[in-house]
Amino acid sequence: MSDGILAGTESVNAVDRAALEAFAGQAERMRQAREQIDKDGLFITRNGVSVPHPALEIERAASREMRGWEAARPDLFAWRMAMRSTDGGGDDDGDADTSLDDELAQARAARTAHS
């Protein structure tokens, strides 16, 4: 997953590259946590007591971190937000009238504003 996020980012500036690498790291952490949960189940037994799998919190924390990056840097992550709204995942705020072209234009405007 993280390789896909970093593909084609060689030409971005160092600050943007660091943000993309941090985002990709969280994506990888979330993927690994999900794999462990899928393998072990949502609950594990600890000292004879069934408890939520610790990887659930790791997955949630990584997801929160990724959403934070998306909110803080819409210019850098507009493609991800657009992907989530078109694949049925994530929150699209019910804004079905916004096209991908509109979202890309908004991202370009945000990037220009941050420059």
Foldseek 3Di string as FASTA:
>chain_A
DLCVQCPPVPPPDPVLNVLSNLLSVLVVLLVVLVVVCVVQPQWDADPNDTDGDPSVVSNVVSVVVNVVSCVVQVLSCLVVLLVCVVVVHDDPVPPPVQDSVNSNVVSVVSVVVVD
